[in-house]
């Protein structure tokens, strides 16, 4: 059986009907995987954006030794995006942990 979609394109139906207009049912696992990856991608992008904003706010509100260090960190985070935020997180946490150990 041959079906035509809204645009007049031939959509082959291999035993099962069209699922959401993606052709035959035999194609559903392929498109389902793509949609699943898209959802994971959207979630990762949102998590990275939240992390980036968190590190930017942390850099702006943290008390550094001088204002130049604060400005440099803010610019690094803004211009290098997630990589800069990750570097900032690692450097600041390592510095903070080492200063905590010295106090004990």
Foldseek 3Di string as FASTA:
>chain_A
DWDADPVRDTAAEDPDDDDVNPGYPVCVVVVVVVVVVVVVVVVVVVVLVVLLVVLLVCLVPDDDPDVVVSVVLNVQSVPVPSVSSVVSVVVVVVVVVVVVVVVD
